[in-house]
Amino acid sequence: MRLKTTMNKLKVVNSDLNLSSDIPVRVQPVIGEWGPQRVPTTKQKKRARWTVTAAFSALVVALFLLGNFFYKILMGITA
């Protein structure tokens, strides 16, 4: 009896292998002969994450330095 309930639970967990079943058709990847096509690789995703992080950090530093520059001009601080 216990084995039967465990098997039923496993069937529920692993029942649907179609990972695109609940999402709209317009956002489903095109499936080719060997799998999805035109889907970014993990390496591209990692590179994009680092690029966005670096760009955001550079922007924050640039805005801080610009604000500091204008603050010093307005306060008459030299050197």
Protein backbone atom coordinates (compact mmCIF):
# COMPACT_ATOMS: atom_id res chain seq x y z
CA MET A 1 0.00 0.00 0.00
CA ARG A 2 2.76 2.42 0.92
CA LEU A 3 4.65 1.76 -2.33
CA LYS A 4 1.51 2.42 -4.34
CA THR A 5 0.97 5.86 -2.76
CA THR A 6 4.62 6.74 -3.34
CA MET A 7 4.31 5.77 -7.00
CA ASN A 8 1.17 7.90 -7.35
CA LYS A 9 3.01 10.90 -5.91
CA LEU A 10 5.87 10.39 -8.36
CA LYS A 11 3.45 10.26 -11.28
CA VAL A 12 1.99 13.59 -10.25
CA VAL A 13 5.41 15.21 -9.94
CA ASN A 14 6.81 13.88 -13.25
CA SER A 15 3.65 13.64 -15.31
CA ASP A 16 4.09 16.45 -17.88
CA LEU A 17 7.31 16.59 -19.87
CA ASN A 18 6.01 19.40 -22.10
CA LEU A 19 7.62 22.41 -20.42
CA SER A 20 5.87 24.88 -22.74
CA SER A 21 2.32 23.74 -22.07
CA ASP A 22 1.07 26.64 -19.92
CA ILE A 23 2.84 29.55 -21.58
CA PRO A 24 1.43 31.50 -24.57
CA VAL A 25 2.39 30.32 -28.04
CA ARG A 26 4.05 33.65 -28.94
CA VAL A 27 6.74 33.16 -26.29
CA GLN A 28 7.40 29.45 -26.78
CA PRO A 29 10.78 28.65 -28.34
CA VAL A 30 10.89 27.18 -31.83
CA ILE A 31 11.60 23.47 -31.48
CA GLY A 32 14.10 22.11 -33.98
CA GLU A 33 15.32 18.61 -34.61
CA TRP A 34 17.72 18.65 -31.64
CA GLY A 35 15.89 21.01 -29.29
CA PRO A 36 14.95 24.68 -28.98
CA GLN A 37 16.32 27.10 -31.55
CA ARG A 38 17.25 30.77 -31.11
CA VAL A 39 17.42 30.44 -27.32
CA PRO A 40 20.37 32.16 -25.58
CA THR A 41 22.98 29.84 -24.15
CA THR A 42 23.98 29.84 -20.50
CA LYS A 43 27.30 31.48 -21.43
CA GLN A 44 25.48 34.34 -23.18
CA LYS A 45 23.17 34.81 -20.19
CA LYS A 46 26.15 34.95 -17.79
CA ARG A 47 27.92 37.46 -20.04
CA ALA A 48 24.79 39.63 -20.17
CA ARG A 49 24.45 39.56 -16.38
CA TRP A 50 28.05 40.70 -15.91
CA THR A 51 27.69 43.39 -18.60
CA VAL A 52 24.55 44.83 -17.02
CA THR A 53 26.13 44.74 -13.55
CA ALA A 54 29.29 46.49 -14.80
CA ALA A 55 27.32 49.12 -16.73
CA PHE A 56 25.09 49.86 -13.73
CA SER A 57 28.09 50.14 -11.40
CA ALA A 58 29.91 52.44 -13.83
CA LEU A 59 26.80 54.63 -14.12
CA VAL A 60 26.44 54.92 -10.33
CA VAL A 61 30.13 55.87 -9.93
CA ALA A 62 29.92 58.40 -12.79
CA LEU A 63 26.81 60.05 -11.28
CA PHE A 64 28.48 60.21 -7.86
CA LEU A 65 31.60 61.85 -9.29
CA LEU A 66 29.53 64.33 -11.33
CA GLY A 67 27.50 65.25 -8.25
CA ASN A 68 30.68 65.62 -6.20
CA PHE A 69 32.17 67.87 -8.91
CA PHE A 70 29.11 70.17 -8.96
CA TYR A 71 28.95 70.21 -5.15
CA LYS A 72 32.55 71.41 -4.97
CA ILE A 73 31.89 74.08 -7.61
CA LEU A 74 28.80 75.37 -5.80
CA MET A 75 30.54 75.39 -2.39
CA GLY A 76 33.66 77.10 -3.78
CA ILE A 77 35.96 74.28 -2.75
CA THR A 78 39.20 74.25 -4.74
CA ALA A 79 41.87 71.59 -5.08
